[in-house]
Amino acid sequence: MEILYAFATNPDAPQGGGGIAAFLPFFLIMVIIYFLMIRPQGKKRKEKQNMLGALKKGDKVITIGGIHGTVVGIKNQGKIFVLKIDKNLNININRSAIAGLANSVTEQDTQIEAQN
């Protein structure tokens, strides 16, 4: 048993690399994840917030549920929109339920997001 201990604690044995060089691959992976996933998602969220802030009466929108309508009113300090769906049909929806403008919405935009 003492022989095994002697071999395990050999002072002439090369020591493993340490310090910052050991963490370099981890940092590189985190930087790649930031630029490929987190940053584009943040940009898209910011664009959507700007679009929602610029909505006004007469804009044609699509909701997350796929309902097409025209904004005819804004209530509760911009938190609720009144959409005209048909000649005699208006609905109230939350601001967060709007996927985007009718001419610029993709199918991916109408999917319910679990980020909130």
PDB file of N, CA and C in Angstrom:
ATOM      1  N   MET A   1       0.811  -1.177   0.000  1.00  0.00           N
ATOM      2  CA  MET A   1       0.000   0.000   0.000  1.00  0.00           C
ATOM      3  C   MET A   1       0.863   1.253   0.000  1.00  0.00           C
ATOM      4  N   GLU A   2       1.973   1.194   0.702  1.00  0.00           N
ATOM      5  CA  GLU A   2       2.864   2.342   0.748  1.00  0.00           C
ATOM      6  C   GLU A   2       3.507   2.604  -0.598  1.00  0.00           C
ATOM      7  N   ILE A   3       3.689   1.570  -1.392  1.00  0.00           N
ATOM      8  CA  ILE A   3       4.285   1.736  -2.718  1.00  0.00           C
ATOM      9  C   ILE A   3       3.321   2.521  -3.617  1.00  0.00           C
ATOM     10  N   LEU A   4       2.025   2.190  -3.542  1.00  0.00           N
ATOM     11  CA  LEU A   4       1.044   2.921  -4.337  1.00  0.00           C
ATOM     12  C   LEU A   4       1.007   4.395  -3.947  1.00  0.00           C
ATOM     13  N   TYR A   5       1.086   4.639  -2.656  1.00  0.00           N
ATOM     14  CA  TYR A   5       1.092   6.016  -2.184  1.00  0.00           C
ATOM     15  C   TYR A   5       2.337   6.751  -2.661  1.00  0.00           C
ATOM     16  N   ALA A   6       3.464   6.065  -2.677  1.00  0.00           N
ATOM     17  CA  ALA A   6       4.719   6.672  -3.125  1.00  0.00           C
ATOM     18  C   ALA A   6       4.643   7.033  -4.607  1.00  0.00           C
ATOM     19  N   PHE A   7       4.044   6.163  -5.414  1.00  0.00           N
ATOM     20  CA  PHE A   7       3.924   6.473  -6.849  1.00  0.00           C
ATOM     21  C   PHE A   7       2.922   7.614  -7.092  1.00  0.00           C
ATOM     22  N   ALA A   8       1.895   7.668  -6.272  1.00  0.00           N
ATOM     23  CA  ALA A   8       0.868   8.686  -6.452  1.00  0.00           C
ATOM     24  C   ALA A   8       1.375  10.067  -6.090  1.00  0.00           C
ATOM     25  N   THR A   9       2.331  10.173  -5.180  1.00  0.00           N
ATOM     26  CA  THR A   9       2.850  11.462  -4.742  1.00  0.00           C
ATOM     27  C   THR A   9       4.258  11.713  -5.243  1.00  0.00           C
ATOM     28  N   ASN A  10       4.589  11.231  -6.415  1.00  0.00           N
ATOM     29  CA  ASN A  10       5.922  11.425  -6.986  1.00  0.00           C
ATOM     30  C   ASN A  10       6.122  12.909  -7.309  1.00  0.00           C
ATOM     31  N   PRO A  11       7.110  13.551  -6.703  1.00  0.00           N
ATOM     32  CA  PRO A  11       7.340  14.980  -6.939  1.00  0.00           C
ATOM     33  C   PRO A  11       7.868  15.265  -8.340  1.00  0.00           C
ATOM     34  N   ASP A  12       8.419  14.280  -9.028  1.00  0.00           N
ATOM     35  CA  ASP A  12       8.948  14.501 -10.365  1.00  0.00           C
ATOM     36  C   ASP A  12       7.892  14.341 -11.453  1.00  0.00           C
ATOM     37  N   ALA A  13       6.696  13.892 -11.072  1.00  0.00           N
ATOM     38  CA  ALA A  13       5.638  13.673 -12.054  1.00  0.00           C
ATOM     39  C   ALA A  13       5.147  15.025 -12.570  1.00  0.00           C
ATOM     40  N   PRO A  14       4.826  15.103 -13.866  1.00  0.00           N
ATOM     41  CA  PRO A  14       4.341  16.373 -14.422  1.00  0.00           C
ATOM     42  C   PRO A  14       2.963  16.720 -13.848  1.00  0.00           C
ATOM     43  N   GLN A  15       2.791  17.979 -13.523  1.00  0.00           N
ATOM     44  CA  GLN A  15       1.526  18.450 -12.960  1.00  0.00           C
ATOM     45  C   GLN A  15       0.592  18.876 -14.088  1.00  0.00           C
ATOM     46  N   GLY A  16      -0.699  18.752 -13.866  1.00  0.00           N
ATOM     47  CA  GLY A  16      -1.697  19.145 -14.865  1.00  0.00           C
ATOM     48  C   GLY A  16      -1.744  20.653 -15.029  1.00  0.00           C
ATOM     49  N   GLY A  17      -2.095  21.107 -16.237  1.00  0.00           N
ATOM     50  CA  GLY A  17      -2.216  22.535 -16.498  1.00  0.00           C
ATOM     51  C   GLY A  17      -3.364  23.116 -15.707  1.00  0.00           C
ATOM     52  N   GLY A  18      -3.241  24.335 -15.322  1.00  0.00           N
ATOM     53  CA  GLY A  18      -4.291  24.958 -14.527  1.00  0.00           C
ATOM     54  C   GLY A  18      -4.442  26.405 -14.925  1.00  0.00           C
ATOM     55  N   GLY A  19      -5.150  27.105 -14.126  1.00  0.00           N
ATOM     56  CA  GLY A  19      -5.327  28.526 -14.361  1.00  0.00           C
ATOM     57  C   GLY A  19      -6.377  28.814 -15.417  1.00  0.00           C
ATOM     58  N   ILE A  20      -6.174  29.904 -16.096  1.00  0.00           N
ATOM     59  CA  ILE A  20      -7.143  30.393 -17.076  1.00  0.00           C
ATOM     60  C   ILE A  20      -7.214  29.482 -18.306  1.00  0.00           C
ATOM     61  N   ALA A  21      -6.114  28.850 -18.655  1.00  0.00           N
ATOM     62  CA  ALA A  21      -6.095  27.991 -19.845  1.00  0.00           C
ATOM     63  C   ALA A  21      -7.078  26.830 -19.718  1.00  0.00           C
ATOM     64  N   ALA A  22      -7.330  26.365 -18.519  1.00  0.00           N
ATOM     65  CA  ALA A  22      -8.269  25.264 -18.318  1.00  0.00           C
ATOM     66  C   ALA A  22      -9.709  25.719 -18.558  1.00  0.00           C
ATOM     67  N   PHE A  23     -10.010  26.986 -18.335  1.00  0.00           N
ATOM     68  CA  PHE A  23     -11.356  27.508 -18.506  1.00  0.00           C
ATOM     69  C   PHE A  23     -11.585  28.146 -19.870  1.00  0.00           C
ATOM     70  N   LEU A  24     -10.585  28.225 -20.703  1.00  0.00           N
ATOM     71  CA  LEU A  24     -10.711  28.860 -22.014  1.00  0.00           C
ATOM     72  C   LEU A  24     -11.788  28.215 -22.894  1.00  0.00           C
ATOM     73  N   PRO A  25     -11.867  26.888 -23.006  1.00  0.00           N
ATOM     74  CA  PRO A  25     -12.941  26.305 -23.824  1.00  0.00           C
ATOM     75  C   PRO A  25     -14.346  26.661 -23.304  1.00  0.00           C
ATOM     76  N   PHE A  26     -14.504  26.693 -22.001  1.00  0.00           N
ATOM     77  CA  PHE A  26     -15.797  27.069 -21.418  1.00  0.00           C
ATOM     78  C   PHE A  26     -16.176  28.495 -21.797  1.00  0.00           C
ATOM     79  N   PHE A  27     -15.237  29.429 -21.689  1.00  0.00           N
ATOM     80  CA  PHE A  27     -15.498  30.818 -22.052  1.00  0.00           C
ATOM     81  C   PHE A  27     -15.823  30.957 -23.534  1.00  0.00           C
ATOM     82  N   LEU A  28     -15.117  30.223 -24.378  1.00  0.00           N
ATOM     83  CA  LEU A  28     -15.374  30.275 -25.815  1.00  0.00           C
ATOM     84  C   LEU A  28     -16.780  29.765 -26.137  1.00  0.00           C
ATOM     85  N   ILE A  29     -17.193  28.698 -25.486  1.00  0.00           N
ATOM     86  CA  ILE A  29     -18.530  28.165 -25.711  1.00  0.00           C
ATOM     87  C   ILE A  29     -19.592  29.181 -25.274  1.00  0.00           C
ATOM     88  N   MET A  30     -19.374  29.839 -24.159  1.00  0.00           N
ATOM     89  CA  MET A  30     -20.331  30.841 -23.680  1.00  0.00           C
ATOM     90  C   MET A  30     -20.419  32.023 -24.645  1.00  0.00           C
ATOM     91  N   VAL A  31     -19.303  32.456 -25.205  1.00  0.00           N
ATOM     92  CA  VAL A  31     -19.309  33.552 -26.173  1.00  0.00           C
ATOM     93  C   VAL A  31     -20.071  33.142 -27.433  1.00  0.00           C
ATOM     94  N   ILE A  32     -19.852  31.923 -27.903  1.00  0.00           N
ATOM     95  CA  ILE A  32     -20.557  31.430 -29.090  1.00  0.00           C
ATOM     96  C   ILE A  32     -22.057  31.359 -28.826  1.00  0.00           C
ATOM     97  N   ILE A  33     -22.453  30.862 -27.672  1.00  0.00           N
ATOM     98  CA  ILE A  33     -23.875  30.784 -27.325  1.00  0.00           C
ATOM     99  C   ILE A  33     -24.489  32.181 -27.286  1.00  0.00           C
ATOM    100  N   TYR A  34     -23.761  33.143 -26.747  1.00  0.00           N
ATOM    101  CA  TYR A  34     -24.277  34.508 -26.669  1.00  0.00           C
ATOM    102  C   TYR A  34     -24.555  35.062 -28.063  1.00  0.00           C
ATOM    103  N   PHE A  35     -23.588  34.937 -28.969  1.00  0.00           N
ATOM    104  CA  PHE A  35     -23.743  35.531 -30.291  1.00  0.00           C
ATOM    105  C   PHE A  35     -24.694  34.761 -31.197  1.00  0.00           C
ATOM    106  N   LEU A  36     -24.864  33.469 -30.995  1.00  0.00           N
ATOM    107  CA  LEU A  36     -25.745  32.697 -31.864  1.00  0.00           C
ATOM    108  C   LEU A  36     -27.161  32.556 -31.345  1.00  0.00           C
ATOM    109  N   MET A  37     -27.373  32.692 -30.037  1.00  0.00           N
ATOM    110  CA  MET A  37     -28.702  32.448 -29.486  1.00  0.00           C
ATOM    111  C   MET A  37     -29.266  33.638 -28.709  1.00  0.00           C
ATOM    112  N   ILE A  38     -28.555  34.136 -27.750  1.00  0.00           N
ATOM    113  CA  ILE A  38     -29.100  35.134 -26.839  1.00  0.00           C
ATOM    114  C   ILE A  38     -29.247  36.498 -27.507  1.00  0.00           C
ATOM    115  N   ARG A  39     -28.230  36.942 -28.205  1.00  0.00           N
ATOM    116  CA  ARG A  39     -28.254  38.266 -28.824  1.00  0.00           C
ATOM    117  C   ARG A  39     -29.339  38.393 -29.897  1.00  0.00           C
ATOM    118  N   PRO A  40     -29.460  37.453 -30.842  1.00  0.00           N
ATOM    119  CA  PRO A  40     -30.534  37.580 -31.835  1.00  0.00           C
ATOM    120  C   PRO A  40     -31.935  37.551 -31.219  1.00  0.00           C
ATOM    121  N   GLN A  41     -32.107  36.759 -30.181  1.00  0.00           N
ATOM    122  CA  GLN A  41     -33.399  36.696 -29.511  1.00  0.00           C
ATOM    123  C   GLN A  41     -33.733  38.037 -28.855  1.00  0.00           C
ATOM    124  N   GLY A  42     -32.740  38.674 -28.269  1.00  0.00           N
ATOM    125  CA  GLY A  42     -32.948  39.989 -27.659  1.00  0.00           C
ATOM    126  C   GLY A  42     -33.300  41.044 -28.693  1.00  0.00           C
ATOM    127  N   LYS A  43     -32.644  40.983 -29.853  1.00  0.00           N
ATOM    128  CA  LYS A  43     -32.955  41.929 -30.924  1.00  0.00           C
ATOM    129  C   LYS A  43     -34.383  41.755 -31.413  1.00  0.00           C
ATOM    130  N   LYS A  44     -34.811  40.508 -31.569  1.00  0.00           N
ATOM    131  CA  LYS A  44     -36.162  40.238 -32.046  1.00  0.00           C
ATOM    132  C   LYS A  44     -37.193  40.739 -31.035  1.00  0.00           C
ATOM    133  N   ARG A  45     -36.932  40.524 -29.761  1.00  0.00           N
ATOM    134  CA  ARG A  45     -37.852  40.988 -28.713  1.00  0.00           C
ATOM    135  C   ARG A  45     -37.943  42.517 -28.716  1.00  0.00           C
ATOM    136  N   LYS A  46     -36.805  43.193 -28.927  1.00  0.00           N
ATOM    137  CA  LYS A  46     -36.795  44.648 -28.958  1.00  0.00           C
ATOM    138  C   LYS A  46     -37.575  45.173 -30.163  1.00  0.00           C
ATOM    139  N   GLU A  47     -37.434  44.520 -31.330  1.00  0.00           N
ATOM    140  CA  GLU A  47     -38.182  44.913 -32.522  1.00  0.00           C
ATOM    141  C   GLU A  47     -39.684  44.756 -32.286  1.00  0.00           C
ATOM    142  N   LYS A  48     -40.081  43.671 -31.618  1.00  0.00           N
ATOM    143  CA  LYS A  48     -41.504  43.447 -31.354  1.00  0.00           C
ATOM    144  C   LYS A  48     -42.041  44.502 -30.397  1.00  0.00           C
ATOM    145  N   GLN A  49     -41.270  44.867 -29.387  1.00  0.00           N
ATOM    146  CA  GLN A  49     -41.708  45.902 -28.450  1.00  0.00           C
ATOM    147  C   GLN A  49     -41.882  47.240 -29.171  1.00  0.00           C
ATOM    148  N   ASN A  50     -40.956  47.561 -30.074  1.00  0.00           N
ATOM    149  CA  ASN A  50     -41.070  48.800 -30.845  1.00  0.00           C
ATOM    150  C   ASN A  50     -42.313  48.778 -31.733  1.00  0.00           C
ATOM    151  N   MET A  51     -42.602  47.630 -32.355  1.00  0.00           N
ATOM    152  CA  MET A  51     -43.772  47.500 -33.207  1.00  0.00           C
ATOM    153  C   MET A  51     -45.052  47.666 -32.385  1.00  0.00           C
ATOM    154  N   LEU A  52     -45.105  47.034 -31.210  1.00  0.00           N
ATOM    155  CA  LEU A  52     -46.290  47.142 -30.362  1.00  0.00           C
ATOM    156  C   LEU A  52     -46.495  48.578 -29.869  1.00  0.00           C
ATOM    157  N   GLY A  53     -45.396  49.267 -29.599  1.00  0.00           N
ATOM    158  CA  GLY A  53     -45.490  50.653 -29.150  1.00  0.00           C
ATOM    159  C   GLY A  53     -45.947  51.595 -30.252  1.00  0.00           C
ATOM    160  N   ALA A  54     -45.719  51.228 -31.510  1.00  0.00           N
ATOM    161  CA  ALA A  54     -46.078  52.090 -32.634  1.00  0.00           C
ATOM    162  C   ALA A  54     -47.446  51.770 -33.224  1.00  0.00           C
ATOM    163  N   LEU A  55     -48.162  50.786 -32.674  1.00  0.00           N
ATOM    164  CA  LEU A  55     -49.476  50.454 -33.221  1.00  0.00           C
ATOM    165  C   LEU A  55     -50.449  51.616 -33.024  1.00  0.00           C
ATOM    166  N   LYS A  56     -51.276  51.818 -34.035  1.00  0.00           N
ATOM    167  CA  LYS A  56     -52.261  52.892 -33.981  1.00  0.00           C
ATOM    168  C   LYS A  56     -53.546  52.423 -34.643  1.00  0.00           C
ATOM    169  N   LYS A  57     -54.584  53.231 -34.562  1.00  0.00           N
ATOM    170  CA  LYS A  57     -55.866  52.883 -35.173  1.00  0.00           C
ATOM    171  C   LYS A  57     -55.682  52.701 -36.677  1.00  0.00           C
ATOM    172  N   GLY A  58     -56.326  51.673 -37.193  1.00  0.00           N
ATOM    173  CA  GLY A  58     -56.267  51.413 -38.624  1.00  0.00           C
ATOM    174  C   GLY A  58     -55.220  50.390 -39.028  1.00  0.00           C
ATOM    175  N   ASP A  59     -54.324  50.013 -38.123  1.00  0.00           N
ATOM    176  CA  ASP A  59     -53.300  49.005 -38.444  1.00  0.00           C
ATOM    177  C   ASP A  59     -53.947  47.620 -38.506  1.00  0.00           C
ATOM    178  N   LYS A  60     -53.581  46.864 -39.516  1.00  0.00           N
ATOM    179  CA  LYS A  60     -54.068  45.486 -39.648  1.00  0.00           C
ATOM    180  C   LYS A  60     -53.072  44.579 -38.942  1.00  0.00           C
ATOM    181  N   VAL A  61     -53.575  43.767 -37.994  1.00  0.00           N
ATOM    182  CA  VAL A  61     -52.707  42.919 -37.176  1.00  0.00           C
ATOM    183  C   VAL A  61     -53.194  41.474 -37.190  1.00  0.00           C
ATOM    184  N   ILE A  62     -52.310  40.594 -36.738  1.00  0.00           N
ATOM    185  CA  ILE A  62     -52.647  39.190 -36.530  1.00  0.00           C
ATOM    186  C   ILE A  62     -52.306  38.864 -35.087  1.00  0.00           C
ATOM    187  N   THR A  63     -53.220  38.160 -34.420  1.00  0.00           N
ATOM    188  CA  THR A  63     -52.961  37.767 -33.038  1.00  0.00           C
ATOM    189  C   THR A  63     -52.163  36.467 -33.007  1.00  0.00           C
ATOM    190  N   ILE A  64     -51.706  36.104 -31.837  1.00  0.00           N
ATOM    191  CA  ILE A  64     -50.975  34.851 -31.668  1.00  0.00           C
ATOM    192  C   ILE A  64     -51.862  33.668 -32.029  1.00  0.00           C
ATOM    193  N   GLY A  65     -53.158  33.793 -31.808  1.00  0.00           N
ATOM    194  CA  GLY A  65     -54.105  32.735 -32.146  1.00  0.00           C
ATOM    195  C   GLY A  65     -54.462  32.678 -33.614  1.00  0.00           C
ATOM    196  N   GLY A  66     -53.965  33.626 -34.423  1.00  0.00           N
ATOM    197  CA  GLY A  66     -54.215  33.615 -35.854  1.00  0.00           C
ATOM    198  C   GLY A  66     -55.412  34.439 -36.290  1.00  0.00           C
ATOM    199  N   ILE A  67     -55.954  35.248 -35.409  1.00  0.00           N
ATOM    200  CA  ILE A  67     -57.104  36.081 -35.759  1.00  0.00           C
ATOM    201  C   ILE A  67     -56.609  37.347 -36.448  1.00  0.00           C
ATOM    202  N   HIS A  68     -57.189  37.636 -37.622  1.00  0.00           N
ATOM    203  CA  HIS A  68     -56.861  38.851 -38.366  1.00  0.00           C
ATOM    204  C   HIS A  68     -57.861  39.930 -38.002  1.00  0.00           C
ATOM    205  N   GLY A  69     -57.369  41.132 -37.798  1.00  0.00           N
ATOM    206  CA  GLY A  69     -58.273  42.225 -37.474  1.00  0.00           C
ATOM    207  C   GLY A  69     -57.612  43.566 -37.677  1.00  0.00           C
ATOM    208  N   THR A  70     -58.400  44.605 -37.512  1.00  0.00           N
ATOM    209  CA  THR A  70     -57.927  45.981 -37.643  1.00  0.00           C
ATOM    210  C   THR A  70     -58.100  46.669 -36.297  1.00  0.00           C
ATOM    211  N   VAL A  71     -57.085  47.391 -35.867  1.00  0.00           N
ATOM    212  CA  VAL A  71     -57.147  48.109 -34.595  1.00  0.00           C
ATOM    213  C   VAL A  71     -58.114  49.279 -34.755  1.00  0.00           C
ATOM    214  N   VAL A  72     -59.148  49.306 -33.917  1.00  0.00           N
ATOM    215  CA  VAL A  72     -60.119  50.406 -33.950  1.00  0.00           C
ATOM    216  C   VAL A  72     -60.109  51.203 -32.649  1.00  0.00           C
ATOM    217  N   GLY A  73     -59.395  50.722 -31.657  1.00  0.00           N
ATOM    218  CA  GLY A  73     -59.332  51.449 -30.396  1.00  0.00           C
ATOM    219  C   GLY A  73     -58.262  50.895 -29.482  1.00  0.00           C
ATOM    220  N   ILE A  74     -57.840  51.748 -28.563  1.00  0.00           N
ATOM    221  CA  ILE A  74     -56.829  51.365 -27.574  1.00  0.00           C
ATOM    222  C   ILE A  74     -57.363  51.776 -26.210  1.00  0.00           C
ATOM    223  N   LYS A  75     -57.352  50.841 -25.265  1.00  0.00           N
ATOM    224  CA  LYS A  75     -57.876  51.093 -23.928  1.00  0.00           C
ATOM    225  C   LYS A  75     -56.796  50.842 -22.878  1.00  0.00           C
ATOM    226  N   ASN A  76     -57.085  51.325 -21.670  1.00  0.00           N
ATOM    227  CA  ASN A  76     -56.278  51.020 -20.491  1.00  0.00           C
ATOM    228  C   ASN A  76     -54.803  51.353 -20.710  1.00  0.00           C
ATOM    229  N   GLN A  77     -54.563  52.558 -21.199  1.00  0.00           N
ATOM    230  CA  GLN A  77     -53.200  53.070 -21.418  1.00  0.00           C
ATOM    231  C   GLN A  77     -52.366  52.181 -22.327  1.00  0.00           C
ATOM    232  N   GLY A  78     -52.979  51.661 -23.369  1.00  0.00           N
ATOM    233  CA  GLY A  78     -52.253  50.876 -24.358  1.00  0.00           C
ATOM    234  C   GLY A  78     -52.100  49.408 -24.020  1.00  0.00           C
ATOM    235  N   LYS A  79     -52.729  48.931 -22.963  1.00  0.00           N
ATOM    236  CA  LYS A  79     -52.609  47.525 -22.580  1.00  0.00           C
ATOM    237  C   LYS A  79     -53.641  46.637 -23.268  1.00  0.00           C
ATOM    238  N   ILE A  80     -54.751  47.227 -23.687  1.00  0.00           N
ATOM    239  CA  ILE A  80     -55.816  46.472 -24.343  1.00  0.00           C
ATOM    240  C   ILE A  80     -56.130  47.131 -25.686  1.00  0.00           C
ATOM    241  N   PHE A  81     -56.213  46.294 -26.727  1.00  0.00           N
ATOM    242  CA  PHE A  81     -56.559  46.779 -28.058  1.00  0.00           C
ATOM    243  C   PHE A  81     -57.938  46.259 -28.433  1.00  0.00           C
ATOM    244  N   VAL A  82     -58.689  47.086 -29.125  1.00  0.00           N
ATOM    245  CA  VAL A  82     -59.990  46.684 -29.656  1.00  0.00           C
ATOM    246  C   VAL A  82     -59.765  46.398 -31.134  1.00  0.00           C
ATOM    247  N   LEU A  83     -60.030  45.156 -31.528  1.00  0.00           N
ATOM    248  CA  LEU A  83     -59.858  44.751 -32.920  1.00  0.00           C
ATOM    249  C   LEU A  83     -61.213  44.574 -33.573  1.00  0.00           C
ATOM    250  N   LYS A  84     -61.325  45.071 -34.801  1.00  0.00           N
ATOM    251  CA  LYS A  84     -62.526  44.853 -35.595  1.00  0.00           C
ATOM    252  C   LYS A  84     -62.264  43.628 -36.456  1.00  0.00           C
ATOM    253  N   ILE A  85     -63.047  42.591 -36.220  1.00  0.00           N
ATOM    254  CA  ILE A  85     -62.869  41.327 -36.929  1.00  0.00           C
ATOM    255  C   ILE A  85     -63.779  41.271 -38.149  1.00  0.00           C
ATOM    256  N   ASP A  86     -64.996  41.738 -37.989  1.00  0.00           N
ATOM    257  CA  ASP A  86     -65.990  41.703 -39.050  1.00  0.00           C
ATOM    258  C   ASP A  86     -66.800  42.987 -38.957  1.00  0.00           C
ATOM    259  N   LYS A  87     -67.789  43.112 -39.812  1.00  0.00           N
ATOM    260  CA  LYS A  87     -68.567  44.343 -39.868  1.00  0.00           C
ATOM    261  C   LYS A  87     -69.145  44.718 -38.507  1.00  0.00           C
ATOM    262  N   ASN A  88     -69.701  43.766 -37.792  1.00  0.00           N
ATOM    263  CA  ASN A  88     -70.339  44.046 -36.504  1.00  0.00           C
ATOM    264  C   ASN A  88     -69.686  43.320 -35.344  1.00  0.00           C
ATOM    265  N   LEU A  89     -68.423  42.965 -35.468  1.00  0.00           N
ATOM    266  CA  LEU A  89     -67.768  42.179 -34.421  1.00  0.00           C
ATOM    267  C   LEU A  89     -66.447  42.820 -34.012  1.00  0.00           C
ATOM    268  N   ASN A  90     -66.396  43.269 -32.770  1.00  0.00           N
ATOM    269  CA  ASN A  90     -65.165  43.815 -32.182  1.00  0.00           C
ATOM    270  C   ASN A  90     -64.782  42.956 -30.989  1.00  0.00           C
ATOM    271  N   ILE A  91     -63.476  42.760 -30.796  1.00  0.00           N
ATOM    272  CA  ILE A  91     -63.013  42.022 -29.621  1.00  0.00           C
ATOM    273  C   ILE A  91     -61.935  42.832 -28.913  1.00  0.00           C
ATOM    274  N   ASN A  92     -61.832  42.628 -27.619  1.00  0.00           N
ATOM    275  CA  ASN A  92     -60.769  43.234 -26.824  1.00  0.00           C
ATOM    276  C   ASN A  92     -59.699  42.180 -26.589  1.00  0.00           C
ATOM    277  N   ILE A  93     -58.445  42.523 -26.853  1.00  0.00           N
ATOM    278  CA  ILE A  93     -57.345  41.593 -26.616  1.00  0.00           C
ATOM    279  C   ILE A  93     -56.226  42.310 -25.884  1.00  0.00           C
ATOM    280  N   ASN A  94     -55.419  41.541 -25.177  1.00  0.00           N
ATOM    281  CA  ASN A  94     -54.245  42.097 -24.512  1.00  0.00           C
ATOM    282  C   ASN A  94     -53.179  42.454 -25.535  1.00  0.00           C
ATOM    283  N   ARG A  95     -52.377  43.394 -25.177  1.00  0.00           N
ATOM    284  CA  ARG A  95     -51.283  43.834 -26.050  1.00  0.00           C
ATOM    285  C   ARG A  95     -50.334  42.683 -26.369  1.00  0.00           C
ATOM    286  N   SER A  96     -50.097  41.811 -25.396  1.00  0.00           N
ATOM    287  CA  SER A  96     -49.156  40.705 -25.578  1.00  0.00           C
ATOM    288  C   SER A  96     -49.676  39.632 -26.529  1.00  0.00           C
ATOM    289  N   ALA A  97     -50.986  39.675 -26.866  1.00  0.00           N
ATOM    290  CA  ALA A  97     -51.564  38.672 -27.756  1.00  0.00           C
ATOM    291  C   ALA A  97     -51.393  39.018 -29.230  1.00  0.00           C
ATOM    292  N   ILE A  98     -50.817  40.170 -29.534  1.00  0.00           N
ATOM    293  CA  ILE A  98     -50.619  40.563 -30.928  1.00  0.00           C
ATOM    294  C   ILE A  98     -49.280  40.006 -31.402  1.00  0.00           C
ATOM    295  N   ALA A  99     -49.332  39.232 -32.494  1.00  0.00           N
ATOM    296  CA  ALA A  99     -48.110  38.650 -33.064  1.00  0.00           C
ATOM    297  C   ALA A  99     -47.374  39.675 -33.916  1.00  0.00           C
ATOM    298  N   GLY A 100     -48.107  40.517 -34.619  1.00  0.00           N
ATOM    299  CA  GLY A 100     -47.460  41.524 -35.442  1.00  0.00           C
ATOM    300  C   GLY A 100     -48.403  42.084 -36.476  1.00  0.00           C
ATOM    301  N   LEU A 101     -47.851  42.919 -37.339  1.00  0.00           N
ATOM    302  CA  LEU A 101     -48.615  43.489 -38.429  1.00  0.00           C
ATOM    303  C   LEU A 101     -48.937  42.404 -39.444  1.00  0.00           C
ATOM    304  N   ALA A 102     -50.083  42.517 -40.077  1.00  0.00           N
ATOM    305  CA  ALA A 102     -50.570  41.462 -40.968  1.00  0.00           C
ATOM    306  C   ALA A 102     -49.628  41.167 -42.119  1.00  0.00           C
ATOM    307  N   ASN A 103     -48.925  42.155 -42.631  1.00  0.00           N
ATOM    308  CA  ASN A 103     -48.064  41.915 -43.783  1.00  0.00           C
ATOM    309  C   ASN A 103     -46.665  41.435 -43.421  1.00  0.00           C
ATOM    310  N   SER A 104     -46.337  41.376 -42.152  1.00  0.00           N
ATOM    311  CA  SER A 104     -44.974  40.990 -41.783  1.00  0.00           C
ATOM    312  C   SER A 104     -44.897  39.845 -40.779  1.00  0.00           C
ATOM    313  N   VAL A 105     -45.991  39.137 -40.540  1.00  0.00           N
ATOM    314  CA  VAL A 105     -46.009  38.050 -39.560  1.00  0.00           C
ATOM    315  C   VAL A 105     -45.671  36.732 -40.245  1.00  0.00           C
ATOM    316  N   THR A 106     -44.769  35.976 -39.616  1.00  0.00           N
ATOM    317  CA  THR A 106     -44.456  34.636 -40.101  1.00  0.00           C
ATOM    318  C   THR A 106     -45.209  33.623 -39.242  1.00  0.00           C
ATOM    319  N   GLU A 107     -45.232  32.379 -39.688  1.00  0.00           N
ATOM    320  CA  GLU A 107     -45.925  31.338 -38.926  1.00  0.00           C
ATOM    321  C   GLU A 107     -45.273  31.143 -37.559  1.00  0.00           C
ATOM    322  N   GLN A 108     -43.962  31.341 -37.488  1.00  0.00           N
ATOM    323  CA  GLN A 108     -43.247  31.183 -36.228  1.00  0.00           C
ATOM    324  C   GLN A 108     -43.665  32.251 -35.215  1.00  0.00           C
ATOM    325  N   ASP A 109     -44.045  33.446 -35.690  1.00  0.00           N
ATOM    326  CA  ASP A 109     -44.469  34.518 -34.793  1.00  0.00           C
ATOM    327  C   ASP A 109     -45.803  34.219 -34.117  1.00  0.00           C
ATOM    328  N   THR A 110     -46.641  33.418 -34.763  1.00  0.00           N
ATOM    329  CA  THR A 110     -47.946  33.133 -34.186  1.00  0.00           C
ATOM    330  C   THR A 110     -47.937  31.992 -33.188  1.00  0.00           C
ATOM    331  N   GLN A 111     -46.795  31.358 -32.987  1.00  0.00           N
ATOM    332  CA  GLN A 111     -46.686  30.292 -31.991  1.00  0.00           C
ATOM    333  C   GLN A 111     -46.583  30.923 -30.612  1.00  0.00           C
ATOM    334  N   ILE A 112     -47.209  30.311 -29.646  1.00  0.00           N
ATOM    335  CA  ILE A 112     -47.199  30.833 -28.280  1.00  0.00           C
ATOM    336  C   ILE A 112     -45.799  30.690 -27.716  1.00  0.00           C
ATOM    337  N   GLU A 113     -45.285  31.804 -27.186  1.00  0.00           N
ATOM    338  CA  GLU A 113     -43.946  31.814 -26.623  1.00  0.00           C
ATOM    339  C   GLU A 113     -44.013  31.597 -25.128  1.00  0.00           C
ATOM    340  N   ALA A 114     -43.148  30.739 -24.617  1.00  0.00           N
ATOM    341  CA  ALA A 114     -43.117  30.429 -23.184  1.00  0.00           C
ATOM    342  C   ALA A 114     -42.044  31.228 -22.471  1.00  0.00           C
ATOM    343  N   GLN A 115     -41.604  32.342 -23.037  1.00  0.00           N
ATOM    344  CA  GLN A 115     -40.549  33.148 -22.427  1.00  0.00           C
ATOM    345  C   GLN A 115     -41.068  33.992 -21.288  1.00  0.00           C
ATOM    346  N   ASN A 116     -42.303  34.449 -21.398  1.00  0.00           N
ATOM    347  CA  ASN A 116     -42.851  35.376 -20.416  1.00  0.00           C
ATOM    348  C   ASN A 116     -43.075  34.675 -19.171  1.00  0.00           C
TER     349      ASN A 116
END
